[in-house]
Amino acid sequence: MELQARCLCVVAMLLVAGLAGLDTAHGAGECGRVPVDQVALKLAPCAAATQNPRAAVPPSCCAQVRSIGRSPKCLCAVMLSDTARKAGVKPAVAMTIPKRCAIANRPVGYKCGPYTLP
């Protein structure tokens, strides 16, 4: 009897955990309902600027960073995403783009993993 109760408890916990996982898979993430890797593709104009701190930042890049940066959590997730990493983005350099774009209301001091937005 005790073994059956334990098994039932484990099954119930797995069911609850599975349902919780389903909810987050279809719910909002760091960038709302748009997957982070999809948002990262919008930063294509920033490619050179994310790899070289001396590279000019194109206005089209600044526009995208300004838009995505309305949510610091999303901007952080995008800059640290698999898509960004695979594209050769250097996170330490990418974190400087909002400042290099002179975005006045950028989230100065926001912690993004091991990085801090200047």
PDB file of N, CA and C in Angstrom:
ATOM      1  N   MET A   1       0.832  -1.199   0.000  1.00  0.00           N
ATOM      2  CA  MET A   1       0.000   0.000   0.000  1.00  0.00           C
ATOM      3  C   MET A   1       0.871   1.254   0.000  1.00  0.00           C
ATOM      4  N   GLU A   2       1.912   1.247   0.845  1.00  0.00           N
ATOM      5  CA  GLU A   2       2.788   2.414   0.928  1.00  0.00           C
ATOM      6  C   GLU A   2       3.494   2.652  -0.403  1.00  0.00           C
ATOM      7  N   LEU A   3       3.907   1.600  -1.086  1.00  0.00           N
ATOM      8  CA  LEU A   3       4.578   1.704  -2.382  1.00  0.00           C
ATOM      9  C   LEU A   3       3.638   2.297  -3.425  1.00  0.00           C
ATOM     10  N   GLN A   4       2.380   1.900  -3.410  1.00  0.00           N
ATOM     11  CA  GLN A   4       1.397   2.440  -4.352  1.00  0.00           C
ATOM     12  C   GLN A   4       1.190   3.935  -4.109  1.00  0.00           C
ATOM     13  N   ALA A   5       1.129   4.328  -2.867  1.00  0.00           N
ATOM     14  CA  ALA A   5       0.937   5.738  -2.529  1.00  0.00           C
ATOM     15  C   ALA A   5       2.130   6.564  -3.004  1.00  0.00           C
ATOM     16  N   ARG A   6       3.334   6.030  -2.815  1.00  0.00           N
ATOM     17  CA  ARG A   6       4.542   6.716  -3.258  1.00  0.00           C
ATOM     18  C   ARG A   6       4.560   6.862  -4.778  1.00  0.00           C
ATOM     19  N   CYS A   7       4.220   5.787  -5.475  1.00  0.00           N
ATOM     20  CA  CYS A   7       4.180   5.817  -6.945  1.00  0.00           C
ATOM     21  C   CYS A   7       3.149   6.825  -7.437  1.00  0.00           C
ATOM     22  N   LEU A   8       1.994   6.835  -6.804  1.00  0.00           N
ATOM     23  CA  LEU A   8       0.944   7.771  -7.181  1.00  0.00           C
ATOM     24  C   LEU A   8       1.407   9.213  -6.973  1.00  0.00           C
ATOM     25  N   CYS A   9       2.127   9.434  -5.880  1.00  0.00           N
ATOM     26  CA  CYS A   9       2.642  10.776  -5.575  1.00  0.00           C
ATOM     27  C   CYS A   9       3.657  11.202  -6.634  1.00  0.00           C
ATOM     28  N   VAL A  10       4.553  10.304  -7.024  1.00  0.00           N
ATOM     29  CA  VAL A  10       5.565  10.613  -8.039  1.00  0.00           C
ATOM     30  C   VAL A  10       4.892  10.900  -9.376  1.00  0.00           C
ATOM     31  N   VAL A  11       3.915  10.098  -9.751  1.00  0.00           N
ATOM     32  CA  VAL A  11       3.189  10.313 -11.009  1.00  0.00           C
ATOM     33  C   VAL A  11       2.489  11.670 -10.979  1.00  0.00           C
ATOM     34  N   ALA A  12       1.874  12.002  -9.876  1.00  0.00           N
ATOM     35  CA  ALA A  12       1.190  13.290  -9.750  1.00  0.00           C
ATOM     36  C   ALA A  12       2.174  14.447  -9.885  1.00  0.00           C
ATOM     37  N   MET A  13       3.354  14.312  -9.262  1.00  0.00           N
ATOM     38  CA  MET A  13       4.359  15.376  -9.356  1.00  0.00           C
ATOM     39  C   MET A  13       4.850  15.526 -10.796  1.00  0.00           C
ATOM     40  N   LEU A  14       5.078  14.423 -11.488  1.00  0.00           N
ATOM     41  CA  LEU A  14       5.516  14.482 -12.884  1.00  0.00           C
ATOM     42  C   LEU A  14       4.451  15.115 -13.766  1.00  0.00           C
ATOM     43  N   LEU A  15       3.201  14.796 -13.504  1.00  0.00           N
ATOM     44  CA  LEU A  15       2.107  15.370 -14.267  1.00  0.00           C
ATOM     45  C   LEU A  15       2.043  16.882 -14.069  1.00  0.00           C
ATOM     46  N   VAL A  16       2.159  17.328 -12.830  1.00  0.00           N
ATOM     47  CA  VAL A  16       2.142  18.759 -12.531  1.00  0.00           C
ATOM     48  C   VAL A  16       3.330  19.459 -13.187  1.00  0.00           C
ATOM     49  N   ALA A  17       4.506  18.851 -13.096  1.00  0.00           N
ATOM     50  CA  ALA A  17       5.703  19.432 -13.710  1.00  0.00           C
ATOM     51  C   ALA A  17       5.547  19.503 -15.227  1.00  0.00           C
ATOM     52  N   GLY A  18       4.986  18.471 -15.815  1.00  0.00           N
ATOM     53  CA  GLY A  18       4.765  18.459 -17.261  1.00  0.00           C
ATOM     54  C   GLY A  18       3.782  19.522 -17.689  1.00  0.00           C
ATOM     55  N   LEU A  19       2.713  19.686 -16.942  1.00  0.00           N
ATOM     56  CA  LEU A  19       1.738  20.729 -17.271  1.00  0.00           C
ATOM     57  C   LEU A  19       2.336  22.116 -17.115  1.00  0.00           C
ATOM     58  N   ALA A  20       3.165  22.307 -16.117  1.00  0.00           N
ATOM     59  CA  ALA A  20       3.829  23.602 -15.923  1.00  0.00           C
ATOM     60  C   ALA A  20       4.750  23.887 -17.092  1.00  0.00           C
ATOM     61  N   GLY A  21       5.459  22.877 -17.572  1.00  0.00           N
ATOM     62  CA  GLY A  21       6.344  23.046 -18.715  1.00  0.00           C
ATOM     63  C   GLY A  21       5.585  23.387 -19.982  1.00  0.00           C
ATOM     64  N   LEU A  22       4.421  22.777 -20.168  1.00  0.00           N
ATOM     65  CA  LEU A  22       3.601  23.085 -21.340  1.00  0.00           C
ATOM     66  C   LEU A  22       3.134  24.523 -21.316  1.00  0.00           C
ATOM     67  N   ASP A  23       2.794  25.006 -20.136  1.00  0.00           N
ATOM     68  CA  ASP A  23       2.314  26.376 -20.005  1.00  0.00           C
ATOM     69  C   ASP A  23       3.401  27.371 -20.402  1.00  0.00           C
ATOM     70  N   THR A  24       4.633  27.167 -19.958  1.00  0.00           N
ATOM     71  CA  THR A  24       5.688  28.110 -20.273  1.00  0.00           C
ATOM     72  C   THR A  24       6.131  27.981 -21.718  1.00  0.00           C
ATOM     73  N   ALA A  25       5.982  26.807 -22.316  1.00  0.00           N
ATOM     74  CA  ALA A  25       6.388  26.645 -23.708  1.00  0.00           C
ATOM     75  C   ALA A  25       5.505  27.473 -24.621  1.00  0.00           C
ATOM     76  N   HIS A  26       4.257  27.656 -24.249  1.00  0.00           N
ATOM     77  CA  HIS A  26       3.341  28.418 -25.085  1.00  0.00           C
ATOM     78  C   HIS A  26       3.085  29.819 -24.540  1.00  0.00           C
ATOM     79  N   GLY A  27       3.649  30.136 -23.395  1.00  0.00           N
ATOM     80  CA  GLY A  27       3.446  31.435 -22.775  1.00  0.00           C
ATOM     81  C   GLY A  27       4.475  32.444 -23.237  1.00  0.00           C
ATOM     82  N   ALA A  28       4.531  33.551 -22.563  1.00  0.00           N
ATOM     83  CA  ALA A  28       5.450  34.623 -22.920  1.00  0.00           C
ATOM     84  C   ALA A  28       6.836  34.349 -22.338  1.00  0.00           C
ATOM     85  N   GLY A  29       7.871  34.677 -23.131  1.00  0.00           N
ATOM     86  CA  GLY A  29       9.248  34.538 -22.684  1.00  0.00           C
ATOM     87  C   GLY A  29       9.849  35.912 -22.457  1.00  0.00           C
ATOM     88  N   GLU A  30      11.171  35.997 -22.533  1.00  0.00           N
ATOM     89  CA  GLU A  30      11.870  37.262 -22.297  1.00  0.00           C
ATOM     90  C   GLU A  30      11.424  38.352 -23.271  1.00  0.00           C
ATOM     91  N   CYS A  31      11.064  37.940 -24.482  1.00  0.00           N
ATOM     92  CA  CYS A  31      10.665  38.905 -25.521  1.00  0.00           C
ATOM     93  C   CYS A  31       9.190  38.766 -25.868  1.00  0.00           C
ATOM     94  N   GLY A  32       8.389  38.463 -24.877  1.00  0.00           N
ATOM     95  CA  GLY A  32       6.959  38.283 -25.129  1.00  0.00           C
ATOM     96  C   GLY A  32       6.707  36.946 -25.798  1.00  0.00           C
ATOM     97  N   ARG A  33       5.852  36.934 -26.778  1.00  0.00           N
ATOM     98  CA  ARG A  33       5.507  35.677 -27.451  1.00  0.00           C
ATOM     99  C   ARG A  33       6.432  35.363 -28.623  1.00  0.00           C
ATOM    100  N   VAL A  34       7.364  36.254 -28.917  1.00  0.00           N
ATOM    101  CA  VAL A  34       8.311  36.028 -30.013  1.00  0.00           C
ATOM    102  C   VAL A  34       9.561  35.358 -29.437  1.00  0.00           C
ATOM    103  N   PRO A  35       9.990  34.241 -30.023  1.00  0.00           N
ATOM    104  CA  PRO A  35      11.195  33.569 -29.516  1.00  0.00           C
ATOM    105  C   PRO A  35      12.421  34.473 -29.588  1.00  0.00           C
ATOM    106  N   VAL A  36      13.272  34.372 -28.586  1.00  0.00           N
ATOM    107  CA  VAL A  36      14.472  35.207 -28.488  1.00  0.00           C
ATOM    108  C   VAL A  36      15.328  35.091 -29.747  1.00  0.00           C
ATOM    109  N   ASP A  37      15.514  33.873 -30.242  1.00  0.00           N
ATOM    110  CA  ASP A  37      16.356  33.694 -31.419  1.00  0.00           C
ATOM    111  C   ASP A  37      15.765  34.373 -32.659  1.00  0.00           C
ATOM    112  N   GLN A  38      14.460  34.476 -32.716  1.00  0.00           N
ATOM    113  CA  GLN A  38      13.818  35.180 -33.829  1.00  0.00           C
ATOM    114  C   GLN A  38      14.059  36.684 -33.708  1.00  0.00           C
ATOM    115  N   VAL A  39      13.979  37.216 -32.500  1.00  0.00           N
ATOM    116  CA  VAL A  39      14.246  38.645 -32.274  1.00  0.00           C
ATOM    117  C   VAL A  39      15.710  38.943 -32.582  1.00  0.00           C
ATOM    118  N   ALA A  40      16.598  38.009 -32.257  1.00  0.00           N
ATOM    119  CA  ALA A  40      18.032  38.202 -32.500  1.00  0.00           C
ATOM    120  C   ALA A  40      18.325  38.451 -33.976  1.00  0.00           C
ATOM    121  N   LEU A  41      17.534  37.867 -34.851  1.00  0.00           N
ATOM    122  CA  LEU A  41      17.739  38.063 -36.294  1.00  0.00           C
ATOM    123  C   LEU A  41      17.552  39.522 -36.705  1.00  0.00           C
ATOM    124  N   LYS A  42      16.785  40.267 -35.918  1.00  0.00           N
ATOM    125  CA  LYS A  42      16.552  41.691 -36.218  1.00  0.00           C
ATOM    126  C   LYS A  42      17.818  42.523 -36.014  1.00  0.00           C
ATOM    127  N   LEU A  43      18.806  41.948 -35.319  1.00  0.00           N
ATOM    128  CA  LEU A  43      20.043  42.686 -35.067  1.00  0.00           C
ATOM    129  C   LEU A  43      21.100  42.447 -36.146  1.00  0.00           C
ATOM    130  N   ALA A  44      20.693  41.915 -37.287  1.00  0.00           N
ATOM    131  CA  ALA A  44      21.628  41.687 -38.396  1.00  0.00           C
ATOM    132  C   ALA A  44      22.396  42.955 -38.774  1.00  0.00           C
ATOM    133  N   PRO A  45      21.766  44.139 -38.783  1.00  0.00           N
ATOM    134  CA  PRO A  45      22.517  45.358 -39.127  1.00  0.00           C
ATOM    135  C   PRO A  45      23.628  45.685 -38.119  1.00  0.00           C
ATOM    136  N   CYS A  46      23.603  45.024 -36.979  1.00  0.00           N
ATOM    137  CA  CYS A  46      24.581  45.291 -35.914  1.00  0.00           C
ATOM    138  C   CYS A  46      25.796  44.370 -35.980  1.00  0.00           C
ATOM    139  N   ALA A  47      25.857  43.496 -36.976  1.00  0.00           N
ATOM    140  CA  ALA A  47      26.866  42.437 -37.009  1.00  0.00           C
ATOM    141  C   ALA A  47      28.277  42.946 -36.732  1.00  0.00           C
ATOM    142  N   ALA A  48      28.757  43.915 -37.492  1.00  0.00           N
ATOM    143  CA  ALA A  48      30.133  44.407 -37.311  1.00  0.00           C
ATOM    144  C   ALA A  48      30.301  45.093 -35.957  1.00  0.00           C
ATOM    145  N   ALA A  49      29.272  45.818 -35.532  1.00  0.00           N
ATOM    146  CA  ALA A  49      29.348  46.570 -34.275  1.00  0.00           C
ATOM    147  C   ALA A  49      29.365  45.658 -33.053  1.00  0.00           C
ATOM    148  N   THR A  50      28.892  44.419 -33.200  1.00  0.00           N
ATOM    149  CA  THR A  50      28.893  43.490 -32.063  1.00  0.00           C
ATOM    150  C   THR A  50      30.216  42.753 -31.935  1.00  0.00           C
ATOM    151  N   GLN A  51      31.086  42.928 -32.921  1.00  0.00           N
ATOM    152  CA  GLN A  51      32.362  42.231 -32.914  1.00  0.00           C
ATOM    153  C   GLN A  51      33.547  43.165 -32.720  1.00  0.00           C
ATOM    154  N   ASN A  52      33.344  44.435 -33.005  1.00  0.00           N
ATOM    155  CA  ASN A  52      34.437  45.406 -32.932  1.00  0.00           C
ATOM    156  C   ASN A  52      33.944  46.665 -32.231  1.00  0.00           C
ATOM    157  N   PRO A  53      34.501  46.986 -31.067  1.00  0.00           N
ATOM    158  CA  PRO A  53      34.024  48.160 -30.323  1.00  0.00           C
ATOM    159  C   PRO A  53      34.305  49.481 -31.028  1.00  0.00           C
ATOM    160  N   ARG A  54      35.160  49.473 -32.047  1.00  0.00           N
ATOM    161  CA  ARG A  54      35.470  50.707 -32.786  1.00  0.00           C
ATOM    162  C   ARG A  54      34.665  50.841 -34.070  1.00  0.00           C
ATOM    163  N   ALA A  55      33.918  49.797 -34.425  1.00  0.00           N
ATOM    164  CA  ALA A  55      33.118  49.837 -35.648  1.00  0.00           C
ATOM    165  C   ALA A  55      31.967  50.819 -35.485  1.00  0.00           C
ATOM    166  N   ALA A  56      31.660  51.500 -36.585  1.00  0.00           N
ATOM    167  CA  ALA A  56      30.516  52.414 -36.574  1.00  0.00           C
ATOM    168  C   ALA A  56      29.237  51.601 -36.392  1.00  0.00           C
ATOM    169  N   VAL A  57      28.305  52.156 -35.645  1.00  0.00           N
ATOM    170  CA  VAL A  57      27.021  51.486 -35.430  1.00  0.00           C
ATOM    171  C   VAL A  57      26.016  52.107 -36.400  1.00  0.00           C
ATOM    172  N   PRO A  58      25.518  51.324 -37.356  1.00  0.00           N
ATOM    173  CA  PRO A  58      24.570  51.877 -38.332  1.00  0.00           C
ATOM    174  C   PRO A  58      23.268  52.335 -37.678  1.00  0.00           C
ATOM    175  N   PRO A  59      22.656  53.373 -38.240  1.00  0.00           N
ATOM    176  CA  PRO A  59      21.374  53.846 -37.703  1.00  0.00           C
ATOM    177  C   PRO A  59      20.313  52.746 -37.649  1.00  0.00           C
ATOM    178  N   SER A  60      20.321  51.831 -38.619  1.00  0.00           N
ATOM    179  CA  SER A  60      19.329  50.741 -38.610  1.00  0.00           C
ATOM    180  C   SER A  60      19.550  49.812 -37.413  1.00  0.00           C
ATOM    181  N   CYS A  61      20.794  49.638 -37.013  1.00  0.00           N
ATOM    182  CA  CYS A  61      21.103  48.844 -35.814  1.00  0.00           C
ATOM    183  C   CYS A  61      20.579  49.567 -34.583  1.00  0.00           C
ATOM    184  N   CYS A  62      20.873  50.861 -34.489  1.00  0.00           N
ATOM    185  CA  CYS A  62      20.423  51.635 -33.327  1.00  0.00           C
ATOM    186  C   CYS A  62      18.903  51.609 -33.193  1.00  0.00           C
ATOM    187  N   ALA A  63      18.214  51.660 -34.324  1.00  0.00           N
ATOM    188  CA  ALA A  63      16.742  51.629 -34.297  1.00  0.00           C
ATOM    189  C   ALA A  63      16.255  50.297 -33.717  1.00  0.00           C
ATOM    190  N   GLN A  64      16.883  49.200 -34.137  1.00  0.00           N
ATOM    191  CA  GLN A  64      16.479  47.888 -33.618  1.00  0.00           C
ATOM    192  C   GLN A  64      16.813  47.755 -32.133  1.00  0.00           C
ATOM    193  N   VAL A  65      17.993  48.202 -31.751  1.00  0.00           N
ATOM    194  CA  VAL A  65      18.403  48.118 -30.337  1.00  0.00           C
ATOM    195  C   VAL A  65      17.478  48.981 -29.476  1.00  0.00           C
ATOM    196  N   ARG A  66      17.118  50.149 -29.980  1.00  0.00           N
ATOM    197  CA  ARG A  66      16.195  51.031 -29.241  1.00  0.00           C
ATOM    198  C   ARG A  66      14.853  50.331 -29.044  1.00  0.00           C
ATOM    199  N   SER A  67      14.370  49.678 -30.089  1.00  0.00           N
ATOM    200  CA  SER A  67      13.079  48.989 -30.013  1.00  0.00           C
ATOM    201  C   SER A  67      13.140  47.784 -29.066  1.00  0.00           C
ATOM    202  N   ILE A  68      14.127  46.923 -29.262  1.00  0.00           N
ATOM    203  CA  ILE A  68      14.267  45.729 -28.421  1.00  0.00           C
ATOM    204  C   ILE A  68      14.595  46.120 -26.981  1.00  0.00           C
ATOM    205  N   GLY A  69      15.371  47.186 -26.822  1.00  0.00           N
ATOM    206  CA  GLY A  69      15.813  47.629 -25.500  1.00  0.00           C
ATOM    207  C   GLY A  69      14.725  48.203 -24.623  1.00  0.00           C
ATOM    208  N   ARG A  70      13.521  48.350 -25.163  1.00  0.00           N
ATOM    209  CA  ARG A  70      12.404  48.790 -24.299  1.00  0.00           C
ATOM    210  C   ARG A  70      12.194  47.771 -23.190  1.00  0.00           C
ATOM    211  N   SER A  71      12.617  46.536 -23.472  1.00  0.00           N
ATOM    212  CA  SER A  71      12.595  45.481 -22.461  1.00  0.00           C
ATOM    213  C   SER A  71      14.044  45.047 -22.244  1.00  0.00           C
ATOM    214  N   PRO A  72      14.698  45.547 -21.192  1.00  0.00           N
ATOM    215  CA  PRO A  72      16.092  45.163 -20.938  1.00  0.00           C
ATOM    216  C   PRO A  72      16.272  43.648 -20.848  1.00  0.00           C
ATOM    217  N   LYS A  73      15.274  42.958 -20.310  1.00  0.00           N
ATOM    218  CA  LYS A  73      15.337  41.503 -20.184  1.00  0.00           C
ATOM    219  C   LYS A  73      15.414  40.861 -21.569  1.00  0.00           C
ATOM    220  N   CYS A  74      14.648  41.385 -22.515  1.00  0.00           N
ATOM    221  CA  CYS A  74      14.659  40.866 -23.880  1.00  0.00           C
ATOM    222  C   CYS A  74      15.989  41.188 -24.549  1.00  0.00           C
ATOM    223  N   LEU A  75      16.444  42.424 -24.431  1.00  0.00           N
ATOM    224  CA  LEU A  75      17.715  42.827 -25.046  1.00  0.00           C
ATOM    225  C   LEU A  75      18.852  41.951 -24.543  1.00  0.00           C
ATOM    226  N   CYS A  76      18.877  41.707 -23.269  1.00  0.00           N
ATOM    227  CA  CYS A  76      19.895  40.855 -22.661  1.00  0.00           C
ATOM    228  C   CYS A  76      19.811  39.441 -23.237  1.00  0.00           C
ATOM    229  N   ALA A  77      18.630  38.889 -23.269  1.00  0.00           N
ATOM    230  CA  ALA A  77      18.442  37.528 -23.782  1.00  0.00           C
ATOM    231  C   ALA A  77      18.866  37.430 -25.243  1.00  0.00           C
ATOM    232  N   VAL A  78      18.556  38.455 -26.027  1.00  0.00           N
ATOM    233  CA  VAL A  78      18.918  38.475 -27.445  1.00  0.00           C
ATOM    234  C   VAL A  78      20.431  38.506 -27.609  1.00  0.00           C
ATOM    235  N   MET A  79      21.093  39.365 -26.857  1.00  0.00           N
ATOM    236  CA  MET A  79      22.542  39.510 -26.996  1.00  0.00           C
ATOM    237  C   MET A  79      23.308  38.279 -26.512  1.00  0.00           C
ATOM    238  N   LEU A  80      22.679  37.488 -25.660  1.00  0.00           N
ATOM    239  CA  LEU A  80      23.319  36.273 -25.153  1.00  0.00           C
ATOM    240  C   LEU A  80      22.737  35.002 -25.789  1.00  0.00           C
ATOM    241  N   SER A  81      21.896  35.172 -26.811  1.00  0.00           N
ATOM    242  CA  SER A  81      21.209  34.032 -27.427  1.00  0.00           C
ATOM    243  C   SER A  81      22.151  33.141 -28.235  1.00  0.00           C
ATOM    244  N   ASP A  82      21.675  31.938 -28.514  1.00  0.00           N
ATOM    245  CA  ASP A  82      22.430  31.011 -29.364  1.00  0.00           C
ATOM    246  C   ASP A  82      22.642  31.604 -30.746  1.00  0.00           C
ATOM    247  N   THR A  83      21.623  32.267 -31.273  1.00  0.00           N
ATOM    248  CA  THR A  83      21.731  32.873 -32.597  1.00  0.00           C
ATOM    249  C   THR A  83      22.840  33.910 -32.617  1.00  0.00           C
ATOM    250  N   ALA A  84      22.895  34.755 -31.603  1.00  0.00           N
ATOM    251  CA  ALA A  84      23.940  35.785 -31.528  1.00  0.00           C
ATOM    252  C   ALA A  84      25.318  35.130 -31.399  1.00  0.00           C
ATOM    253  N   ARG A  85      25.411  34.121 -30.553  1.00  0.00           N
ATOM    254  CA  ARG A  85      26.690  33.430 -30.355  1.00  0.00           C
ATOM    255  C   ARG A  85      27.170  32.811 -31.660  1.00  0.00           C
ATOM    256  N   LYS A  86      26.261  32.145 -32.373  1.00  0.00           N
ATOM    257  CA  LYS A  86      26.614  31.498 -33.641  1.00  0.00           C
ATOM    258  C   LYS A  86      27.005  32.516 -34.711  1.00  0.00           C
ATOM    259  N   ALA A  87      26.487  33.735 -34.589  1.00  0.00           N
ATOM    260  CA  ALA A  87      26.806  34.791 -35.550  1.00  0.00           C
ATOM    261  C   ALA A  87      28.133  35.480 -35.221  1.00  0.00           C
ATOM    262  N   GLY A  88      28.767  35.075 -34.123  1.00  0.00           N
ATOM    263  CA  GLY A  88      30.058  35.648 -33.756  1.00  0.00           C
ATOM    264  C   GLY A  88      29.970  36.885 -32.890  1.00  0.00           C
ATOM    265  N   VAL A  89      28.801  37.125 -32.308  1.00  0.00           N
ATOM    266  CA  VAL A  89      28.628  38.286 -31.430  1.00  0.00           C
ATOM    267  C   VAL A  89      29.511  38.125 -30.200  1.00  0.00           C
ATOM    268  N   LYS A  90      30.223  39.181 -29.874  1.00  0.00           N
ATOM    269  CA  LYS A  90      31.013  39.219 -28.639  1.00  0.00           C
ATOM    270  C   LYS A  90      30.150  39.951 -27.622  1.00  0.00           C
ATOM    271  N   PRO A  91      29.615  39.229 -26.635  1.00  0.00           N
ATOM    272  CA  PRO A  91      28.675  39.847 -25.694  1.00  0.00           C
ATOM    273  C   PRO A  91      29.211  41.116 -25.031  1.00  0.00           C
ATOM    274  N   ALA A  92      30.468  41.130 -24.638  1.00  0.00           N
ATOM    275  CA  ALA A  92      31.028  42.319 -23.980  1.00  0.00           C
ATOM    276  C   ALA A  92      30.979  43.533 -24.904  1.00  0.00           C
ATOM    277  N   VAL A  93      31.166  43.309 -26.195  1.00  0.00           N
ATOM    278  CA  VAL A  93      31.113  44.400 -27.176  1.00  0.00           C
ATOM    279  C   VAL A  93      29.650  44.759 -27.469  1.00  0.00           C
ATOM    280  N   ALA A  94      28.802  43.742 -27.603  1.00  0.00           N
ATOM    281  CA  ALA A  94      27.389  43.981 -27.894  1.00  0.00           C
ATOM    282  C   ALA A  94      26.723  44.818 -26.807  1.00  0.00           C
ATOM    283  N   MET A  95      27.121  44.615 -25.568  1.00  0.00           N
ATOM    284  CA  MET A  95      26.525  45.368 -24.457  1.00  0.00           C
ATOM    285  C   MET A  95      26.807  46.864 -24.559  1.00  0.00           C
ATOM    286  N   THR A  96      27.807  47.253 -25.335  1.00  0.00           N
ATOM    287  CA  THR A  96      28.142  48.681 -25.471  1.00  0.00           C
ATOM    288  C   THR A  96      27.311  49.379 -26.542  1.00  0.00           C
ATOM    289  N   ILE A  97      26.580  48.620 -27.347  1.00  0.00           N
ATOM    290  CA  ILE A  97      25.852  49.230 -28.469  1.00  0.00           C
ATOM    291  C   ILE A  97      24.813  50.261 -28.021  1.00  0.00           C
ATOM    292  N   PRO A  98      23.994  50.004 -26.989  1.00  0.00           N
ATOM    293  CA  PRO A  98      23.047  51.053 -26.593  1.00  0.00           C
ATOM    294  C   PRO A  98      23.742  52.384 -26.263  1.00  0.00           C
ATOM    295  N   LYS A  99      24.897  52.317 -25.613  1.00  0.00           N
ATOM    296  CA  LYS A  99      25.647  53.533 -25.297  1.00  0.00           C
ATOM    297  C   LYS A  99      26.226  54.149 -26.566  1.00  0.00           C
ATOM    298  N   ARG A 100      26.772  53.306 -27.441  1.00  0.00           N
ATOM    299  CA  ARG A 100      27.349  53.797 -28.693  1.00  0.00           C
ATOM    300  C   ARG A 100      26.283  54.416 -29.594  1.00  0.00           C
ATOM    301  N   CYS A 101      25.039  53.985 -29.433  1.00  0.00           N
ATOM    302  CA  CYS A 101      23.912  54.567 -30.187  1.00  0.00           C
ATOM    303  C   CYS A 101      23.369  55.816 -29.497  1.00  0.00           C
ATOM    304  N   ALA A 102      23.923  56.145 -28.353  1.00  0.00           N
ATOM    305  CA  ALA A 102      23.480  57.308 -27.567  1.00  0.00           C
ATOM    306  C   ALA A 102      21.993  57.226 -27.222  1.00  0.00           C
ATOM    307  N   ILE A 103      21.557  56.025 -26.843  1.00  0.00           N
ATOM    308  CA  ILE A 103      20.161  55.841 -26.436  1.00  0.00           C
ATOM    309  C   ILE A 103      20.027  56.400 -25.025  1.00  0.00           C
ATOM    310  N   ALA A 104      19.288  57.481 -24.927  1.00  0.00           N
ATOM    311  CA  ALA A 104      19.196  58.229 -23.661  1.00  0.00           C
ATOM    312  C   ALA A 104      18.580  57.406 -22.528  1.00  0.00           C
ATOM    313  N   ASN A 105      17.535  56.661 -22.818  1.00  0.00           N
ATOM    314  CA  ASN A 105      16.829  55.934 -21.753  1.00  0.00           C
ATOM    315  C   ASN A 105      17.259  54.463 -21.684  1.00  0.00           C
ATOM    316  N   ARG A 106      18.513  54.185 -22.034  1.00  0.00           N
ATOM    317  CA  ARG A 106      19.019  52.805 -21.968  1.00  0.00           C
ATOM    318  C   ARG A 106      19.120  52.385 -20.493  1.00  0.00           C
ATOM    319  N   PRO A 107      19.041  51.091 -20.253  1.00  0.00           N
ATOM    320  CA  PRO A 107      19.058  50.602 -18.864  1.00  0.00           C
ATOM    321  C   PRO A 107      20.491  50.516 -18.303  1.00  0.00           C
ATOM    322  N   VAL A 108      21.086  51.652 -18.024  1.00  0.00           N
ATOM    323  CA  VAL A 108      22.457  51.711 -17.499  1.00  0.00           C
ATOM    324  C   VAL A 108      22.538  50.904 -16.201  1.00  0.00           C
ATOM    325  N   GLY A 109      23.546  50.045 -16.128  1.00  0.00           N
ATOM    326  CA  GLY A 109      23.748  49.247 -14.923  1.00  0.00           C
ATOM    327  C   GLY A 109      22.963  47.953 -14.878  1.00  0.00           C
ATOM    328  N   TYR A 110      22.157  47.686 -15.918  1.00  0.00           N
ATOM    329  CA  TYR A 110      21.365  46.452 -15.941  1.00  0.00           C
ATOM    330  C   TYR A 110      22.300  45.256 -16.047  1.00  0.00           C
ATOM    331  N   LYS A 111      22.146  44.291 -15.156  1.00  0.00           N
ATOM    332  CA  LYS A 111      22.966  43.083 -15.164  1.00  0.00           C
ATOM    333  C   LYS A 111      22.424  42.105 -16.207  1.00  0.00           C
ATOM    334  N   CYS A 112      23.327  41.708 -17.083  1.00  0.00           N
ATOM    335  CA  CYS A 112      22.978  40.796 -18.166  1.00  0.00           C
ATOM    336  C   CYS A 112      23.951  39.628 -18.098  1.00  0.00           C
ATOM    337  N   GLY A 113      23.574  38.620 -17.357  1.00  0.00           N
ATOM    338  CA  GLY A 113      24.506  37.515 -17.116  1.00  0.00           C
ATOM    339  C   GLY A 113      25.723  38.079 -16.403  1.00  0.00           C
ATOM    340  N   PRO A 114      26.921  37.780 -16.888  1.00  0.00           N
ATOM    341  CA  PRO A 114      28.128  38.301 -16.260  1.00  0.00           C
ATOM    342  C   PRO A 114      28.473  39.726 -16.698  1.00  0.00           C
ATOM    343  N   TYR A 115      27.638  40.320 -17.529  1.00  0.00           N
ATOM    344  CA  TYR A 115      27.891  41.645 -18.086  1.00  0.00           C
ATOM    345  C   TYR A 115      26.967  42.696 -17.470  1.00  0.00           C
ATOM    346  N   THR A 116      27.398  43.939 -17.561  1.00  0.00           N
ATOM    347  CA  THR A 116      26.586  45.071 -17.089  1.00  0.00           C
ATOM    348  C   THR A 116      26.494  46.069 -18.221  1.00  0.00           C
ATOM    349  N   LEU A 117      25.278  46.512 -18.529  1.00  0.00           N
ATOM    350  CA  LEU A 117      25.102  47.503 -19.593  1.00  0.00           C
ATOM    351  C   LEU A 117      25.660  48.848 -19.151  1.00  0.00           C
ATOM    352  N   PRO A 118      26.573  49.419 -19.967  1.00  0.00           N
ATOM    353  CA  PRO A 118      27.149  50.737 -19.604  1.00  0.00           C
ATOM    354  C   PRO A 118      26.178  51.875 -19.890  1.00  0.00           C
TER     355      PRO A 118
END
